Every structure is written in structure tokens, then in C-alpha cells.
Amino acid sequence: MVVGADVEKVTIDLVSRMQADEEGDTLTILAGADMDDEAFGRIISAIREAQPDLEIDSHRGEQPLYPVIFSIE
């Protein structure tokens, strides 16, 4: 659905695409082991700006393979 090299841009684009019908209320997002807190904070801020009605529940997941994992409910 979304392809790119910039994790922040791909994450925001995918969240926006998933929210096209505005069916989700809550985004749960986990930062991977290789993502620093500053980069994770930028992603969270960008999502808040793009999706102001979406509640965001963010955590350090520390997963080794993926920079972020998220779901929308």
C-alpha cells in the first residue's frame, strides 16, 4: 500500500490511508529497538497533526526487526 525509505513519511502516509474512512478511534504504536526517542516523538507529533481526532497510545516496544509497529482500532 505504501512504499518508501523514510520511516516517518511511510508511517504517516499509511496511517492516513488507514484512516481515510475515519473509522478508527485509537492508534497504538510501538517504537522498535533502533528508533531513538527523538525520531519516535517526531512521528507521534506528525500523526497528531495529520489526524487530530485519533487518540494515540505510544510505547517503546523494542522489537528488533521493525522501526515501528502500529494498529488502529
PDB file of N, CA and C in Angstrom:
ATOM      1  N   MET A   1       0.811  -1.191   0.000  1.00  0.00           N
ATOM      2  CA  MET A   1       0.000   0.000   0.000  1.00  0.00           C
ATOM      3  C   MET A   1       0.859   1.261   0.000  1.00  0.00           C
ATOM      4  N   VAL A   2       1.919   1.269   0.816  1.00  0.00           N
ATOM      5  CA  VAL A   2       2.809   2.425   0.879  1.00  0.00           C
ATOM      6  C   VAL A   2       4.234   1.899   0.892  1.00  0.00           C
ATOM      7  N   VAL A   3       5.075   2.478   0.061  1.00  0.00           N
ATOM      8  CA  VAL A   3       6.468   2.054  -0.029  1.00  0.00           C
ATOM      9  C   VAL A   3       7.350   3.292   0.058  1.00  0.00           C
ATOM     10  N   GLY A   4       8.472   3.180   0.758  1.00  0.00           N
ATOM     11  CA  GLY A   4       9.406   4.288   0.835  1.00  0.00           C
ATOM     12  C   GLY A   4      10.552   3.967   1.762  1.00  0.00           C
ATOM     13  N   ALA A   5      11.538   4.841   1.772  1.00  0.00           N
ATOM     14  CA  ALA A   5      12.719   4.650   2.611  1.00  0.00           C
ATOM     15  C   ALA A   5      12.663   5.472   3.891  1.00  0.00           C
ATOM     16  N   ASP A   6      11.787   6.471   3.940  1.00  0.00           N
ATOM     17  CA  ASP A   6      11.674   7.356   5.100  1.00  0.00           C
ATOM     18  C   ASP A   6      10.590   6.810   6.034  1.00  0.00           C
ATOM     19  N   VAL A   7      11.010   6.297   7.186  1.00  0.00           N
ATOM     20  CA  VAL A   7      10.086   5.644   8.124  1.00  0.00           C
ATOM     21  C   VAL A   7       8.973   6.597   8.560  1.00  0.00           C
ATOM     22  N   GLU A   8       9.333   7.841   8.852  1.00  0.00           N
ATOM     23  CA  GLU A   8       8.329   8.811   9.297  1.00  0.00           C
ATOM     24  C   GLU A   8       7.273   9.037   8.215  1.00  0.00           C
ATOM     25  N   LYS A   9       7.710   9.296   6.998  1.00  0.00           N
ATOM     26  CA  LYS A   9       6.775   9.554   5.902  1.00  0.00           C
ATOM     27  C   LYS A   9       5.901   8.345   5.610  1.00  0.00           C
ATOM     28  N   VAL A  10       6.501   7.172   5.546  1.00  0.00           N
ATOM     29  CA  VAL A  10       5.731   5.955   5.271  1.00  0.00           C
ATOM     30  C   VAL A  10       4.702   5.708   6.373  1.00  0.00           C
ATOM     31  N   THR A  11       5.095   5.895   7.633  1.00  0.00           N
ATOM     32  CA  THR A  11       4.170   5.694   8.752  1.00  0.00           C
ATOM     33  C   THR A  11       2.988   6.651   8.654  1.00  0.00           C
ATOM     34  N   ILE A  12       3.272   7.932   8.436  1.00  0.00           N
ATOM     35  CA  ILE A  12       2.205   8.931   8.347  1.00  0.00           C
ATOM     36  C   ILE A  12       1.295   8.655   7.154  1.00  0.00           C
ATOM     37  N   ASP A  13       1.881   8.324   6.007  1.00  0.00           N
ATOM     38  CA  ASP A  13       1.080   8.020   4.818  1.00  0.00           C
ATOM     39  C   ASP A  13       0.187   6.805   5.045  1.00  0.00           C
ATOM     40  N   LEU A  14       0.726   5.787   5.696  1.00  0.00           N
ATOM     41  CA  LEU A  14      -0.059   4.581   5.931  1.00  0.00           C
ATOM     42  C   LEU A  14      -1.176   4.823   6.941  1.00  0.00           C
ATOM     43  N   VAL A  15      -0.882   5.560   8.001  1.00  0.00           N
ATOM     44  CA  VAL A  15      -1.925   5.902   8.975  1.00  0.00           C
ATOM     45  C   VAL A  15      -3.032   6.706   8.288  1.00  0.00           C
ATOM     46  N   SER A  16      -2.657   7.679   7.473  1.00  0.00           N
ATOM     47  CA  SER A  16      -3.650   8.485   6.757  1.00  0.00           C
ATOM     48  C   SER A  16      -4.491   7.617   5.831  1.00  0.00           C
ATOM     49  N   ARG A  17      -3.863   6.708   5.154  1.00  0.00           N
ATOM     50  CA  ARG A  17      -4.589   5.803   4.251  1.00  0.00           C
ATOM     51  C   ARG A  17      -5.548   4.911   5.046  1.00  0.00           C
ATOM     52  N   MET A  18      -5.075   4.402   6.183  1.00  0.00           N
ATOM     53  CA  MET A  18      -5.929   3.536   7.015  1.00  0.00           C
ATOM     54  C   MET A  18      -7.101   4.318   7.602  1.00  0.00           C
ATOM     55  N   GLN A  19      -6.913   5.624   7.802  1.00  0.00           N
ATOM     56  CA  GLN A  19      -7.953   6.467   8.385  1.00  0.00           C
ATOM     57  C   GLN A  19      -8.786   7.203   7.337  1.00  0.00           C
ATOM     58  N   ALA A  20      -8.685   6.816   6.079  1.00  0.00           N
ATOM     59  CA  ALA A  20      -9.412   7.501   5.012  1.00  0.00           C
ATOM     60  C   ALA A  20     -10.912   7.548   5.292  1.00  0.00           C
ATOM     61  N   ASP A  21     -11.448   6.503   5.881  1.00  0.00           N
ATOM     62  CA  ASP A  21     -12.876   6.455   6.209  1.00  0.00           C
ATOM     63  C   ASP A  21     -13.154   6.888   7.641  1.00  0.00           C
ATOM     64  N   GLU A  22     -12.114   7.304   8.354  1.00  0.00           N
ATOM     65  CA  GLU A  22     -12.216   7.781   9.741  1.00  0.00           C
ATOM     66  C   GLU A  22     -12.972   6.807  10.645  1.00  0.00           C
ATOM     67  N   GLU A  23     -12.677   5.539  10.483  1.00  0.00           N
ATOM     68  CA  GLU A  23     -13.351   4.523  11.284  1.00  0.00           C
ATOM     69  C   GLU A  23     -12.635   4.223  12.592  1.00  0.00           C
ATOM     70  N   GLY A  24     -11.348   4.518  12.686  1.00  0.00           N
ATOM     71  CA  GLY A  24     -10.596   4.195  13.892  1.00  0.00           C
ATOM     72  C   GLY A  24     -10.653   5.312  14.911  1.00  0.00           C
ATOM     73  N   ASP A  25     -10.555   4.918  16.177  1.00  0.00           N
ATOM     74  CA  ASP A  25     -10.551   5.877  17.277  1.00  0.00           C
ATOM     75  C   ASP A  25      -9.192   5.970  17.951  1.00  0.00           C
ATOM     76  N   THR A  26      -8.476   4.828  18.008  1.00  0.00           N
ATOM     77  CA  THR A  26      -7.236   4.756  18.771  1.00  0.00           C
ATOM     78  C   THR A  26      -6.128   4.123  17.934  1.00  0.00           C
ATOM     79  N   LEU A  27      -4.972   4.780  17.938  1.00  0.00           N
ATOM     80  CA  LEU A  27      -3.772   4.249  17.308  1.00  0.00           C
ATOM     81  C   LEU A  27      -2.841   3.791  18.416  1.00  0.00           C
ATOM     82  N   THR A  28      -2.441   2.538  18.378  1.00  0.00           N
ATOM     83  CA  THR A  28      -1.418   2.030  19.288  1.00  0.00           C
ATOM     84  C   THR A  28      -0.162   1.874  18.446  1.00  0.00           C
ATOM     85  N   ILE A  29       0.928   2.501  18.883  1.00  0.00           N
ATOM     86  CA  ILE A  29       2.166   2.487  18.104  1.00  0.00           C
ATOM     87  C   ILE A  29       3.340   2.153  19.021  1.00  0.00           C
ATOM     88  N   LEU A  30       4.199   1.261  18.546  1.00  0.00           N
ATOM     89  CA  LEU A  30       5.364   0.799  19.302  1.00  0.00           C
ATOM     90  C   LEU A  30       6.637   1.159  18.553  1.00  0.00           C
ATOM     91  N   ALA A  31       7.600   1.731  19.256  1.00  0.00           N
ATOM     92  CA  ALA A  31       8.899   2.060  18.664  1.00  0.00           C
ATOM     93  C   ALA A  31       9.816   0.846  18.743  1.00  0.00           C
ATOM     94  N   GLY A  32      10.526   0.599  17.660  1.00  0.00           N
ATOM     95  CA  GLY A  32      11.481  -0.500  17.627  1.00  0.00           C
ATOM     96  C   GLY A  32      12.777  -0.158  18.334  1.00  0.00           C
ATOM     97  N   ALA A  33      13.596  -1.157  18.518  1.00  0.00           N
ATOM     98  CA  ALA A  33      14.862  -1.000  19.238  1.00  0.00           C
ATOM     99  C   ALA A  33      15.795   0.006  18.578  1.00  0.00           C
ATOM    100  N   ASP A  34      15.764   0.116  17.256  1.00  0.00           N
ATOM    101  CA  ASP A  34      16.669   1.009  16.544  1.00  0.00           C
ATOM    102  C   ASP A  34      16.135   2.429  16.383  1.00  0.00           C
ATOM    103  N   MET A  35      14.917   2.710  16.820  1.00  0.00           N
ATOM    104  CA  MET A  35      14.360   4.056  16.700  1.00  0.00           C
ATOM    105  C   MET A  35      14.593   4.824  17.997  1.00  0.00           C
ATOM    106  N   ASP A  36      15.259   5.966  17.890  1.00  0.00           N
ATOM    107  CA  ASP A  36      15.503   6.756  19.093  1.00  0.00           C
ATOM    108  C   ASP A  36      14.251   7.549  19.484  1.00  0.00           C
ATOM    109  N   ASP A  37      14.250   8.028  20.706  1.00  0.00           N
ATOM    110  CA  ASP A  37      13.084   8.736  21.242  1.00  0.00           C
ATOM    111  C   ASP A  37      12.754  10.001  20.452  1.00  0.00           C
ATOM    112  N   GLU A  38      13.765  10.691  19.961  1.00  0.00           N
ATOM    113  CA  GLU A  38      13.533  11.920  19.197  1.00  0.00           C
ATOM    114  C   GLU A  38      12.787  11.623  17.894  1.00  0.00           C
ATOM    115  N   ALA A  39      13.224  10.621  17.159  1.00  0.00           N
ATOM    116  CA  ALA A  39      12.556  10.246  15.910  1.00  0.00           C
ATOM    117  C   ALA A  39      11.140   9.752  16.182  1.00  0.00           C
ATOM    118  N   PHE A  40      10.971   8.992  17.241  1.00  0.00           N
ATOM    119  CA  PHE A  40       9.646   8.485  17.602  1.00  0.00           C
ATOM    120  C   PHE A  40       8.723   9.647  17.953  1.00  0.00           C
ATOM    121  N   GLY A  41       9.246  10.608  18.678  1.00  0.00           N
ATOM    122  CA  GLY A  41       8.464  11.791  19.035  1.00  0.00           C
ATOM    123  C   GLY A  41       8.021  12.579  17.804  1.00  0.00           C
ATOM    124  N   ARG A  42       8.906  12.687  16.804  1.00  0.00           N
ATOM    125  CA  ARG A  42       8.547  13.384  15.561  1.00  0.00           C
ATOM    126  C   ARG A  42       7.409  12.662  14.844  1.00  0.00           C
ATOM    127  N   ILE A  43       7.459  11.339  14.824  1.00  0.00           N
ATOM    128  CA  ILE A  43       6.389  10.569  14.185  1.00  0.00           C
ATOM    129  C   ILE A  43       5.071  10.799  14.915  1.00  0.00           C
ATOM    130  N   ILE A  44       5.094  10.732  16.229  1.00  0.00           N
ATOM    131  CA  ILE A  44       3.879  10.932  17.025  1.00  0.00           C
ATOM    132  C   ILE A  44       3.316  12.332  16.772  1.00  0.00           C
ATOM    133  N   SER A  45       4.164  13.352  16.776  1.00  0.00           N
ATOM    134  CA  SER A  45       3.723  14.725  16.539  1.00  0.00           C
ATOM    135  C   SER A  45       3.107  14.884  15.152  1.00  0.00           C
ATOM    136  N   ALA A  46       3.734  14.289  14.153  1.00  0.00           N
ATOM    137  CA  ALA A  46       3.224  14.385  12.786  1.00  0.00           C
ATOM    138  C   ALA A  46       1.876  13.689  12.647  1.00  0.00           C
ATOM    139  N   ILE A  47       1.715  12.548  13.312  1.00  0.00           N
ATOM    140  CA  ILE A  47       0.425  11.846  13.269  1.00  0.00           C
ATOM    141  C   ILE A  47      -0.641  12.681  13.960  1.00  0.00           C
ATOM    142  N   ARG A  48      -0.310  13.267  15.100  1.00  0.00           N
ATOM    143  CA  ARG A  48      -1.279  14.129  15.818  1.00  0.00           C
ATOM    144  C   ARG A  48      -1.730  15.293  14.941  1.00  0.00           C
ATOM    145  N   GLU A  49      -0.788  15.859  14.214  1.00  0.00           N
ATOM    146  CA  GLU A  49      -1.121  16.979  13.342  1.00  0.00           C
ATOM    147  C   GLU A  49      -2.009  16.527  12.177  1.00  0.00           C
ATOM    148  N   ALA A  50      -1.682  15.393  11.586  1.00  0.00           N
ATOM    149  CA  ALA A  50      -2.431  14.898  10.430  1.00  0.00           C
ATOM    150  C   ALA A  50      -3.775  14.283  10.814  1.00  0.00           C
ATOM    151  N   GLN A  51      -3.862  13.710  12.027  1.00  0.00           N
ATOM    152  CA  GLN A  51      -5.064  13.002  12.476  1.00  0.00           C
ATOM    153  C   GLN A  51      -5.459  13.489  13.875  1.00  0.00           C
ATOM    154  N   PRO A  52      -5.944  14.723  14.011  1.00  0.00           N
ATOM    155  CA  PRO A  52      -6.205  15.281  15.346  1.00  0.00           C
ATOM    156  C   PRO A  52      -7.292  14.554  16.153  1.00  0.00           C
ATOM    157  N   ASP A  53      -8.177  13.820  15.502  1.00  0.00           N
ATOM    158  CA  ASP A  53      -9.241  13.111  16.215  1.00  0.00           C
ATOM    159  C   ASP A  53      -8.839  11.707  16.658  1.00  0.00           C
ATOM    160  N   LEU A  54      -7.649  11.280  16.296  1.00  0.00           N
ATOM    161  CA  LEU A  54      -7.181   9.936  16.608  1.00  0.00           C
ATOM    162  C   LEU A  54      -6.431   9.951  17.940  1.00  0.00           C
ATOM    163  N   GLU A  55      -6.889   9.149  18.885  1.00  0.00           N
ATOM    164  CA  GLU A  55      -6.184   9.011  20.169  1.00  0.00           C
ATOM    165  C   GLU A  55      -4.939   8.162  19.933  1.00  0.00           C
ATOM    166  N   ILE A  56      -3.809   8.601  20.457  1.00  0.00           N
ATOM    167  CA  ILE A  56      -2.544   7.897  20.230  1.00  0.00           C
ATOM    168  C   ILE A  56      -2.018   7.334  21.539  1.00  0.00           C
ATOM    169  N   ASP A  57      -1.755   6.033  21.531  1.00  0.00           N
ATOM    170  CA  ASP A  57      -1.198   5.321  22.668  1.00  0.00           C
ATOM    171  C   ASP A  57       0.183   4.820  22.230  1.00  0.00           C
ATOM    172  N   SER A  58       1.236   5.524  22.639  1.00  0.00           N
ATOM    173  CA  SER A  58       2.589   5.195  22.166  1.00  0.00           C
ATOM    174  C   SER A  58       3.424   4.558  23.269  1.00  0.00           C
ATOM    175  N   HIS A  59       4.264   3.608  22.855  1.00  0.00           N
ATOM    176  CA  HIS A  59       5.121   2.873  23.794  1.00  0.00           C
ATOM    177  C   HIS A  59       6.429   2.494  23.113  1.00  0.00           C
ATOM    178  N   ARG A  60       7.436   2.208  23.919  1.00  0.00           N
ATOM    179  CA  ARG A  60       8.674   1.608  23.429  1.00  0.00           C
ATOM    180  C   ARG A  60       8.439   0.104  23.376  1.00  0.00           C
ATOM    181  N   GLY A  61       8.418  -0.454  22.191  1.00  0.00           N
ATOM    182  CA  GLY A  61       8.218  -1.890  22.048  1.00  0.00           C
ATOM    183  C   GLY A  61       9.528  -2.646  22.019  1.00  0.00           C
ATOM    184  N   GLU A  62      10.570  -1.957  21.527  1.00  0.00           N
ATOM    185  CA  GLU A  62      11.932  -2.504  21.435  1.00  0.00           C
ATOM    186  C   GLU A  62      12.025  -3.737  20.537  1.00  0.00           C
ATOM    187  N   GLN A  63      11.070  -3.896  19.604  1.00  0.00           N
ATOM    188  CA  GLN A  63      11.155  -5.014  18.669  1.00  0.00           C
ATOM    189  C   GLN A  63      12.396  -4.844  17.786  1.00  0.00           C
ATOM    190  N   PRO A  64      13.093  -5.942  17.495  1.00  0.00           N
ATOM    191  CA  PRO A  64      14.375  -5.851  16.791  1.00  0.00           C
ATOM    192  C   PRO A  64      14.272  -5.671  15.276  1.00  0.00           C
ATOM    193  N   LEU A  65      13.184  -6.033  14.642  1.00  0.00           N
ATOM    194  CA  LEU A  65      13.140  -6.056  13.182  1.00  0.00           C
ATOM    195  C   LEU A  65      12.457  -4.856  12.536  1.00  0.00           C
ATOM    196  N   TYR A  66      11.570  -4.202  13.227  1.00  0.00           N
ATOM    197  CA  TYR A  66      10.764  -3.141  12.629  1.00  0.00           C
ATOM    198  C   TYR A  66      10.922  -1.833  13.395  1.00  0.00           C
ATOM    199  N   PRO A  67      11.074  -0.707  12.685  1.00  0.00           N
ATOM    200  CA  PRO A  67      11.239   0.562  13.377  1.00  0.00           C
ATOM    201  C   PRO A  67       9.966   0.973  14.132  1.00  0.00           C
ATOM    202  N   VAL A  68       8.806   0.676  13.556  1.00  0.00           N
ATOM    203  CA  VAL A  68       7.531   0.913  14.244  1.00  0.00           C
ATOM    204  C   VAL A  68       6.553  -0.192  13.889  1.00  0.00           C
ATOM    205  N   ILE A  69       5.690  -0.478  14.835  1.00  0.00           N
ATOM    206  CA  ILE A  69       4.546  -1.372  14.608  1.00  0.00           C
ATOM    207  C   ILE A  69       3.345  -0.630  15.164  1.00  0.00           C
ATOM    208  N   PHE A  70       2.253  -0.635  14.412  1.00  0.00           N
ATOM    209  CA  PHE A  70       1.071   0.055  14.914  1.00  0.00           C
ATOM    210  C   PHE A  70      -0.207  -0.621  14.446  1.00  0.00           C
ATOM    211  N   SER A  71      -1.280  -0.324  15.167  1.00  0.00           N
ATOM    212  CA  SER A  71      -2.604  -0.781  14.780  1.00  0.00           C
ATOM    213  C   SER A  71      -3.595   0.325  15.098  1.00  0.00           C
ATOM    214  N   ILE A  72      -4.699   0.322  14.376  1.00  0.00           N
ATOM    215  CA  ILE A  72      -5.766   1.295  14.604  1.00  0.00           C
ATOM    216  C   ILE A  72      -7.029   0.516  14.922  1.00  0.00           C
ATOM    217  N   GLU A  73      -7.661   0.917  16.007  1.00  0.00           N
ATOM    218  CA  GLU A  73      -8.902   0.254  16.417  1.00  0.00           C
ATOM    219  C   GLU A  73     -10.024   1.274  16.423  1.00  0.00           C
TER     220      GLU A  73
END
